[in-house]
Amino acid sequence: MPRPVKWRRVEYIPENKYFAPCSKGKCGCFEGLDEVQLKIEELEAMRLKDIEELNQEECAARMQISRQTFQNIIDEARKKVVTALMENQAIRIGGGHYTRNVCEFKCISCGNETQMTYEEHGPVCHHCGSNRVVCNKKKCITQCER
């Protein structure tokens, strides 16, 4: 029995999920165009490495995967993008095995609960301003008391 695939943590989901070549100034007709499927976690790997310019270890930590898994993901992503560019194919972004780490946050001070990603919640409760916020999923205080 193969090992289960570990969820890859992503911070960015693109608004535009389809990119196609425009040959001879005729854009808009994508019927019959070959496509390459770029997974969300593959785009995230390229974003962290090539745009944020993090090293491989930092990228893997941000995605909560091993360095070897990160390397495998980014190698596959780059291969797909180059193939699409060289063979005049469209790139469709979507699918994969990823999570945005949505969690139910609870303020210890006022009891307010809200659901959002780790990146959105910030260091304080949006209801009362307290910095005593707990993720019910992880059961940890995100900031120490002041």
N, C-alpha and C. Protein backbone atom coordinates (compact mmCIF):
# COMPACT_ATOMS: atom_id res chain seq x y z
N MET A 1 0.84 -1.18 0.00
CA MET A 1 0.00 0.00 0.00
C MET A 1 0.89 1.25 0.00
N PRO A 2 0.69 2.16 -0.96
CA PRO A 2 1.52 3.36 -1.02
C PRO A 2 1.20 4.32 0.13
N ARG A 3 2.18 5.10 0.45
CA ARG A 3 2.04 6.10 1.50
C ARG A 3 1.06 7.18 1.04
N PRO A 4 0.20 7.69 1.94
CA PRO A 4 -0.74 8.74 1.53
C PRO A 4 -0.02 10.04 1.19
N VAL A 5 -0.55 10.78 0.24
CA VAL A 5 0.04 12.05 -0.17
C VAL A 5 -0.23 13.09 0.91
N LYS A 6 0.82 13.79 1.31
CA LYS A 6 0.69 14.84 2.33
C LYS A 6 0.16 16.12 1.67
N TRP A 7 -0.77 16.78 2.34
CA TRP A 7 -1.31 18.04 1.83
C TRP A 7 -0.21 19.08 1.75
N ARG A 8 -0.19 19.85 0.66
CA ARG A 8 0.80 20.90 0.48
C ARG A 8 0.15 22.24 0.83
N ARG A 9 0.79 23.02 1.66
CA ARG A 9 0.23 24.30 2.10
C ARG A 9 0.54 25.36 1.05
N VAL A 10 -0.48 26.06 0.59
CA VAL A 10 -0.30 27.15 -0.37
C VAL A 10 -0.86 28.44 0.19
N GLU A 11 -0.25 29.53 -0.18
CA GLU A 11 -0.68 30.85 0.29
C GLU A 11 -1.36 31.66 -0.80
N TYR A 12 -1.20 31.24 -2.04
CA TYR A 12 -1.69 32.04 -3.16
C TYR A 12 -2.47 31.17 -4.14
N ILE A 13 -3.67 31.59 -4.45
CA ILE A 13 -4.49 30.96 -5.48
C ILE A 13 -4.69 32.02 -6.56
N PRO A 14 -4.30 31.77 -7.79
CA PRO A 14 -4.40 32.80 -8.83
C PRO A 14 -5.84 33.10 -9.23
N GLU A 15 -6.07 34.34 -9.60
CA GLU A 15 -7.38 34.75 -10.11
C GLU A 15 -7.60 34.19 -11.51
N ASN A 16 -6.59 34.34 -12.35
CA ASN A 16 -6.65 33.83 -13.72
C ASN A 16 -6.07 32.42 -13.72
N LYS A 17 -6.83 31.48 -14.25
CA LYS A 17 -6.40 30.10 -14.21
C LYS A 17 -6.20 29.49 -15.59
N TYR A 18 -6.18 30.33 -16.62
CA TYR A 18 -6.00 29.81 -17.96
C TYR A 18 -5.16 30.80 -18.76
N PHE A 19 -4.10 30.31 -19.35
CA PHE A 19 -3.21 31.13 -20.18
C PHE A 19 -3.00 30.39 -21.49
N ALA A 20 -3.16 31.11 -22.59
CA ALA A 20 -3.05 30.46 -23.89
C ALA A 20 -2.21 31.32 -24.82
N PRO A 21 -1.51 30.68 -25.74
CA PRO A 21 -0.72 31.42 -26.72
C PRO A 21 -1.61 32.19 -27.69
N CYS A 22 -1.07 33.26 -28.20
CA CYS A 22 -1.78 34.08 -29.17
C CYS A 22 -0.92 34.09 -30.43
N SER A 23 -1.32 33.32 -31.42
CA SER A 23 -0.50 33.25 -32.63
C SER A 23 -1.07 34.14 -33.73
N LYS A 24 -0.19 34.87 -34.38
CA LYS A 24 -0.52 35.73 -35.52
C LYS A 24 -1.62 36.74 -35.19
N GLY A 25 -1.64 37.20 -33.94
CA GLY A 25 -2.59 38.24 -33.55
C GLY A 25 -4.02 37.78 -33.39
N LYS A 26 -4.26 36.48 -33.53
CA LYS A 26 -5.63 35.97 -33.39
C LYS A 26 -5.79 35.33 -32.01
N CYS A 27 -6.32 36.09 -31.09
CA CYS A 27 -6.53 35.59 -29.73
C CYS A 27 -8.00 35.27 -29.53
N GLY A 28 -8.28 34.43 -28.58
CA GLY A 28 -9.66 34.16 -28.20
C GLY A 28 -10.19 32.82 -28.68
N CYS A 29 -9.60 32.23 -29.68
CA CYS A 29 -10.09 30.94 -30.16
C CYS A 29 -9.19 29.84 -29.59
N PHE A 30 -9.66 29.18 -28.54
CA PHE A 30 -8.85 28.18 -27.86
C PHE A 30 -9.34 26.76 -28.14
N GLU A 31 -10.32 26.64 -29.01
CA GLU A 31 -10.88 25.33 -29.33
C GLU A 31 -9.82 24.46 -29.99
N GLY A 32 -9.67 23.26 -29.48
CA GLY A 32 -8.72 22.31 -30.05
C GLY A 32 -7.28 22.54 -29.62
N LEU A 33 -7.03 23.51 -28.78
CA LEU A 33 -5.68 23.82 -28.31
C LEU A 33 -5.26 22.82 -27.24
N ASP A 34 -4.08 22.24 -27.39
CA ASP A 34 -3.57 21.32 -26.37
C ASP A 34 -3.29 22.10 -25.09
N GLU A 35 -3.50 21.45 -23.96
CA GLU A 35 -3.32 22.09 -22.66
C GLU A 35 -2.35 21.31 -21.78
N VAL A 36 -1.71 22.05 -20.89
CA VAL A 36 -0.89 21.48 -19.83
C VAL A 36 -1.58 21.86 -18.52
N GLN A 37 -1.76 20.88 -17.63
CA GLN A 37 -2.40 21.13 -16.33
C GLN A 37 -1.31 21.41 -15.30
N LEU A 38 -1.28 22.64 -14.78
CA LEU A 38 -0.34 23.03 -13.74
C LEU A 38 -1.09 23.04 -12.41
N LYS A 39 -0.66 22.20 -11.48
CA LYS A 39 -1.35 22.09 -10.19
C LYS A 39 -1.09 23.35 -9.35
N ILE A 40 -2.01 23.63 -8.44
CA ILE A 40 -1.89 24.80 -7.57
C ILE A 40 -0.58 24.75 -6.77
N GLU A 41 -0.22 23.58 -6.25
CA GLU A 41 1.01 23.49 -5.47
C GLU A 41 2.26 23.65 -6.34
N GLU A 42 2.17 23.33 -7.62
CA GLU A 42 3.30 23.54 -8.52
C GLU A 42 3.51 25.03 -8.77
N LEU A 43 2.42 25.76 -8.96
CA LEU A 43 2.52 27.21 -9.10
C LEU A 43 3.07 27.84 -7.82
N GLU A 44 2.61 27.37 -6.67
CA GLU A 44 3.09 27.89 -5.38
C GLU A 44 4.59 27.66 -5.23
N ALA A 45 5.07 26.49 -5.63
CA ALA A 45 6.50 26.19 -5.54
C ALA A 45 7.32 27.17 -6.38
N MET A 46 6.86 27.44 -7.61
CA MET A 46 7.57 28.39 -8.47
C MET A 46 7.49 29.81 -7.89
N ARG A 47 6.34 30.17 -7.33
CA ARG A 47 6.18 31.50 -6.74
C ARG A 47 7.15 31.71 -5.58
N LEU A 48 7.24 30.74 -4.70
CA LEU A 48 8.13 30.87 -3.54
C LEU A 48 9.60 30.92 -3.96
N LYS A 49 9.98 30.05 -4.88
CA LYS A 49 11.39 29.96 -5.29
C LYS A 49 11.80 31.09 -6.24
N ASP A 50 10.98 31.35 -7.25
CA ASP A 50 11.39 32.27 -8.31
C ASP A 50 10.97 33.71 -8.09
N ILE A 51 9.87 33.95 -7.39
CA ILE A 51 9.43 35.32 -7.16
C ILE A 51 9.85 35.81 -5.79
N GLU A 52 9.58 35.01 -4.75
CA GLU A 52 10.00 35.41 -3.40
C GLU A 52 11.48 35.15 -3.16
N GLU A 53 12.10 34.37 -4.04
CA GLU A 53 13.54 34.08 -4.01
C GLU A 53 13.99 33.45 -2.69
N LEU A 54 13.17 32.52 -2.17
CA LEU A 54 13.53 31.78 -0.97
C LEU A 54 14.41 30.60 -1.37
N ASN A 55 15.21 30.10 -0.43
CA ASN A 55 15.99 28.91 -0.74
C ASN A 55 15.09 27.68 -0.60
N GLN A 56 15.58 26.55 -1.05
CA GLN A 56 14.77 25.34 -1.10
C GLN A 56 14.24 24.95 0.28
N GLU A 57 15.06 25.08 1.29
CA GLU A 57 14.65 24.71 2.65
C GLU A 57 13.52 25.63 3.15
N GLU A 58 13.62 26.93 2.87
CA GLU A 58 12.58 27.87 3.28
C GLU A 58 11.27 27.60 2.53
N CYS A 59 11.39 27.30 1.24
CA CYS A 59 10.19 26.99 0.44
C CYS A 59 9.49 25.75 0.98
N ALA A 60 10.26 24.72 1.25
CA ALA A 60 9.69 23.48 1.77
C ALA A 60 9.01 23.71 3.12
N ALA A 61 9.63 24.52 3.96
CA ALA A 61 9.03 24.81 5.27
C ALA A 61 7.71 25.57 5.11
N ARG A 62 7.67 26.54 4.20
CA ARG A 62 6.43 27.30 3.98
C ARG A 62 5.31 26.41 3.46
N MET A 63 5.67 25.41 2.64
CA MET A 63 4.66 24.51 2.09
C MET A 63 4.41 23.31 3.01
N GLN A 64 5.18 23.20 4.08
CA GLN A 64 5.07 22.12 5.07
C GLN A 64 5.27 20.75 4.44
N ILE A 65 6.33 20.65 3.64
CA ILE A 65 6.71 19.40 3.00
C ILE A 65 8.22 19.24 3.12
N SER A 66 8.73 18.07 2.73
CA SER A 66 10.18 17.85 2.78
C SER A 66 10.86 18.59 1.64
N ARG A 67 12.17 18.78 1.77
CA ARG A 67 12.93 19.44 0.71
C ARG A 67 12.89 18.62 -0.58
N GLN A 68 12.97 17.29 -0.45
CA GLN A 68 12.94 16.44 -1.65
C GLN A 68 11.59 16.52 -2.35
N THR A 69 10.51 16.54 -1.59
CA THR A 69 9.18 16.69 -2.18
C THR A 69 9.06 18.04 -2.88
N PHE A 70 9.58 19.09 -2.24
CA PHE A 70 9.56 20.42 -2.86
C PHE A 70 10.31 20.38 -4.19
N GLN A 71 11.49 19.76 -4.19
CA GLN A 71 12.29 19.69 -5.41
C GLN A 71 11.54 18.94 -6.51
N ASN A 72 10.88 17.86 -6.16
CA ASN A 72 10.10 17.09 -7.15
C ASN A 72 8.96 17.93 -7.72
N ILE A 73 8.29 18.69 -6.87
CA ILE A 73 7.17 19.52 -7.31
C ILE A 73 7.64 20.62 -8.24
N ILE A 74 8.71 21.32 -7.88
CA ILE A 74 9.17 22.44 -8.70
C ILE A 74 9.77 21.94 -10.02
N ASP A 75 10.42 20.80 -10.00
CA ASP A 75 10.95 20.23 -11.25
C ASP A 75 9.82 19.92 -12.22
N GLU A 76 8.75 19.32 -11.72
CA GLU A 76 7.61 18.98 -12.57
C GLU A 76 6.92 20.24 -13.08
N ALA A 77 6.80 21.24 -12.22
CA ALA A 77 6.15 22.50 -12.60
C ALA A 77 6.92 23.20 -13.72
N ARG A 78 8.22 23.30 -13.55
CA ARG A 78 9.04 23.98 -14.57
C ARG A 78 9.01 23.23 -15.89
N LYS A 79 9.01 21.91 -15.82
CA LYS A 79 8.95 21.09 -17.03
C LYS A 79 7.63 21.36 -17.78
N LYS A 80 6.53 21.44 -17.04
CA LYS A 80 5.22 21.70 -17.66
C LYS A 80 5.17 23.07 -18.32
N VAL A 81 5.69 24.08 -17.64
CA VAL A 81 5.65 25.44 -18.19
C VAL A 81 6.51 25.54 -19.44
N VAL A 82 7.70 24.99 -19.41
CA VAL A 82 8.59 25.05 -20.57
C VAL A 82 7.99 24.25 -21.73
N THR A 83 7.41 23.11 -21.45
CA THR A 83 6.75 22.31 -22.49
C THR A 83 5.64 23.12 -23.15
N ALA A 84 4.81 23.78 -22.34
CA ALA A 84 3.71 24.59 -22.89
C ALA A 84 4.25 25.71 -23.77
N LEU A 85 5.31 26.37 -23.33
CA LEU A 85 5.88 27.46 -24.11
C LEU A 85 6.51 26.97 -25.42
N MET A 86 7.21 25.86 -25.35
CA MET A 86 7.90 25.34 -26.53
C MET A 86 6.95 24.69 -27.54
N GLU A 87 5.87 24.10 -27.06
CA GLU A 87 4.96 23.36 -27.94
C GLU A 87 3.66 24.11 -28.20
N ASN A 88 3.64 25.41 -27.88
CA ASN A 88 2.48 26.26 -28.17
C ASN A 88 1.20 25.72 -27.55
N GLN A 89 1.27 25.35 -26.27
CA GLN A 89 0.13 24.80 -25.55
C GLN A 89 -0.39 25.80 -24.53
N ALA A 90 -1.66 25.66 -24.17
CA ALA A 90 -2.25 26.48 -23.12
C ALA A 90 -1.88 25.90 -21.76
N ILE A 91 -1.90 26.75 -20.74
CA ILE A 91 -1.65 26.31 -19.37
C ILE A 91 -2.93 26.53 -18.58
N ARG A 92 -3.45 25.43 -18.01
CA ARG A 92 -4.62 25.49 -17.16
C ARG A 92 -4.14 25.24 -15.72
N ILE A 93 -4.44 26.18 -14.82
CA ILE A 93 -4.01 26.07 -13.42
C ILE A 93 -5.18 25.58 -12.59
N GLY A 94 -4.95 24.52 -11.84
CA GLY A 94 -6.00 24.00 -10.98
C GLY A 94 -5.71 22.59 -10.52
N GLY A 95 -6.44 22.16 -9.55
CA GLY A 95 -6.28 20.80 -9.04
C GLY A 95 -5.06 20.67 -8.15
N GLY A 96 -4.77 19.47 -7.80
CA GLY A 96 -3.62 19.20 -6.95
C GLY A 96 -4.03 18.69 -5.58
N HIS A 97 -3.09 18.67 -4.69
CA HIS A 97 -3.30 18.15 -3.34
C HIS A 97 -2.79 19.21 -2.37
N TYR A 98 -3.62 20.22 -2.12
CA TYR A 98 -3.16 21.37 -1.34
C TYR A 98 -4.20 21.80 -0.32
N THR A 99 -3.77 22.63 0.61
CA THR A 99 -4.65 23.22 1.62
C THR A 99 -4.27 24.67 1.82
N ARG A 100 -5.23 25.48 2.18
CA ARG A 100 -4.98 26.89 2.52
C ARG A 100 -4.85 27.06 4.02
N ASN A 101 -4.95 25.99 4.80
CA ASN A 101 -4.88 26.03 6.26
C ASN A 101 -5.95 26.92 6.86
N VAL A 102 -7.17 26.68 6.46
CA VAL A 102 -8.28 27.41 7.06
C VAL A 102 -8.52 26.84 8.44
N CYS A 103 -8.73 27.71 9.41
CA CYS A 103 -8.89 27.29 10.79
C CYS A 103 -9.97 28.12 11.47
N GLU A 104 -10.57 27.56 12.48
CA GLU A 104 -11.54 28.27 13.31
C GLU A 104 -10.75 28.91 14.46
N PHE A 105 -10.67 30.23 14.45
CA PHE A 105 -9.95 30.95 15.50
C PHE A 105 -10.92 31.41 16.57
N LYS A 106 -10.48 31.32 17.83
CA LYS A 106 -11.29 31.76 18.96
C LYS A 106 -10.47 32.70 19.83
N CYS A 107 -11.10 33.81 20.20
CA CYS A 107 -10.45 34.78 21.08
C CYS A 107 -10.71 34.34 22.53
N ILE A 108 -9.65 34.21 23.30
CA ILE A 108 -9.78 33.81 24.70
C ILE A 108 -10.43 34.93 25.52
N SER A 109 -10.19 36.16 25.13
CA SER A 109 -10.71 37.30 25.88
C SER A 109 -12.22 37.49 25.72
N CYS A 110 -12.72 37.49 24.49
CA CYS A 110 -14.14 37.79 24.27
C CYS A 110 -14.95 36.59 23.79
N GLY A 111 -14.29 35.50 23.41
CA GLY A 111 -15.00 34.31 22.96
C GLY A 111 -15.43 34.35 21.50
N ASN A 112 -15.12 35.43 20.78
CA ASN A 112 -15.49 35.54 19.37
C ASN A 112 -14.79 34.44 18.56
N GLU A 113 -15.54 33.80 17.66
CA GLU A 113 -14.98 32.77 16.79
C GLU A 113 -15.12 33.22 15.34
N THR A 114 -14.10 32.99 14.55
CA THR A 114 -14.14 33.33 13.14
C THR A 114 -13.31 32.32 12.36
N GLN A 115 -13.72 32.03 11.13
CA GLN A 115 -13.01 31.07 10.30
C GLN A 115 -12.27 31.81 9.20
N MET A 116 -10.97 31.58 9.10
CA MET A 116 -10.15 32.19 8.06
C MET A 116 -8.82 31.47 7.99
N THR A 117 -7.97 31.85 7.05
CA THR A 117 -6.65 31.23 6.94
C THR A 117 -5.73 31.85 7.97
N TYR A 118 -4.62 31.17 8.24
CA TYR A 118 -3.64 31.67 9.20
C TYR A 118 -3.13 33.05 8.80
N GLU A 119 -2.95 33.26 7.48
CA GLU A 119 -2.40 34.52 7.00
C GLU A 119 -3.35 35.68 7.23
N GLU A 120 -4.66 35.43 7.23
CA GLU A 120 -5.65 36.50 7.34
C GLU A 120 -5.93 36.94 8.76
N HIS A 121 -5.72 36.06 9.74
CA HIS A 121 -6.23 36.37 11.08
C HIS A 121 -5.43 37.44 11.80
N GLY A 122 -4.16 37.58 11.49
CA GLY A 122 -3.35 38.60 12.14
C GLY A 122 -3.11 38.28 13.61
N PRO A 123 -2.35 39.11 14.28
CA PRO A 123 -1.99 38.84 15.68
C PRO A 123 -3.06 39.22 16.69
N VAL A 124 -4.17 39.81 16.25
CA VAL A 124 -5.19 40.26 17.20
C VAL A 124 -6.59 39.82 16.77
N CYS A 125 -7.49 39.78 17.75
CA CYS A 125 -8.90 39.48 17.47
C CYS A 125 -9.50 40.68 16.75
N HIS A 126 -10.20 40.43 15.66
CA HIS A 126 -10.80 41.52 14.90
C HIS A 126 -12.05 42.08 15.59
N HIS A 127 -12.53 41.38 16.62
CA HIS A 127 -13.73 41.81 17.34
C HIS A 127 -13.39 42.73 18.52
N CYS A 128 -12.44 42.29 19.39
CA CYS A 128 -12.14 43.07 20.60
C CYS A 128 -10.72 43.64 20.65
N GLY A 129 -9.86 43.23 19.73
CA GLY A 129 -8.50 43.76 19.71
C GLY A 129 -7.51 43.00 20.57
N SER A 130 -7.95 41.95 21.25
CA SER A 130 -7.05 41.16 22.11
C SER A 130 -6.06 40.38 21.26
N ASN A 131 -4.89 40.14 21.82
CA ASN A 131 -3.89 39.33 21.11
C ASN A 131 -3.88 37.89 21.62
N ARG A 132 -4.89 37.49 22.38
CA ARG A 132 -5.01 36.13 22.91
C ARG A 132 -5.94 35.32 22.00
N VAL A 133 -5.39 34.85 20.87
CA VAL A 133 -6.17 34.15 19.85
C VAL A 133 -5.68 32.71 19.75
N VAL A 134 -6.63 31.76 19.72
CA VAL A 134 -6.31 30.34 19.67
C VAL A 134 -6.92 29.74 18.41
N CYS A 135 -6.14 28.92 17.73
CA CYS A 135 -6.68 28.15 16.61
C CYS A 135 -7.24 26.87 17.19
N ASN A 136 -8.53 26.64 17.02
CA ASN A 136 -9.16 25.43 17.57
C ASN A 136 -8.58 24.16 16.97
N LYS A 137 -8.03 24.25 15.77
CA LYS A 137 -7.45 23.09 15.09
C LYS A 137 -6.13 22.68 15.76
N LYS A 138 -5.29 23.68 16.06
CA LYS A 138 -3.97 23.41 16.62
C LYS A 138 -3.94 23.54 18.14
N LYS A 139 -4.93 24.20 18.71
CA LYS A 139 -5.01 24.42 20.16
C LYS A 139 -3.76 25.11 20.69
N CYS A 140 -3.35 26.17 20.02
CA CYS A 140 -2.18 26.90 20.47
C CYS A 140 -2.50 28.39 20.49
N ILE A 141 -1.90 29.10 21.41
CA ILE A 141 -2.08 30.55 21.44
C ILE A 141 -1.14 31.15 20.41
N THR A 142 -1.67 31.98 19.52
CA THR A 142 -0.86 32.49 18.43
C THR A 142 0.05 33.64 18.88
N GLN A 143 -0.31 34.32 19.94
CA GLN A 143 0.52 35.40 20.46
C GLN A 143 0.55 35.28 21.98
N CYS A 144 1.67 35.66 22.56
CA CYS A 144 1.74 35.63 24.01
C CYS A 144 0.99 36.84 24.59
N GLU A 145 0.57 36.74 25.82
CA GLU A 145 -0.18 37.83 26.46
C GLU A 145 0.73 39.04 26.64
N ARG A 146 0.13 40.21 26.52
CA ARG A 146 0.91 41.44 26.71
C ARG A 146 0.77 41.92 28.13
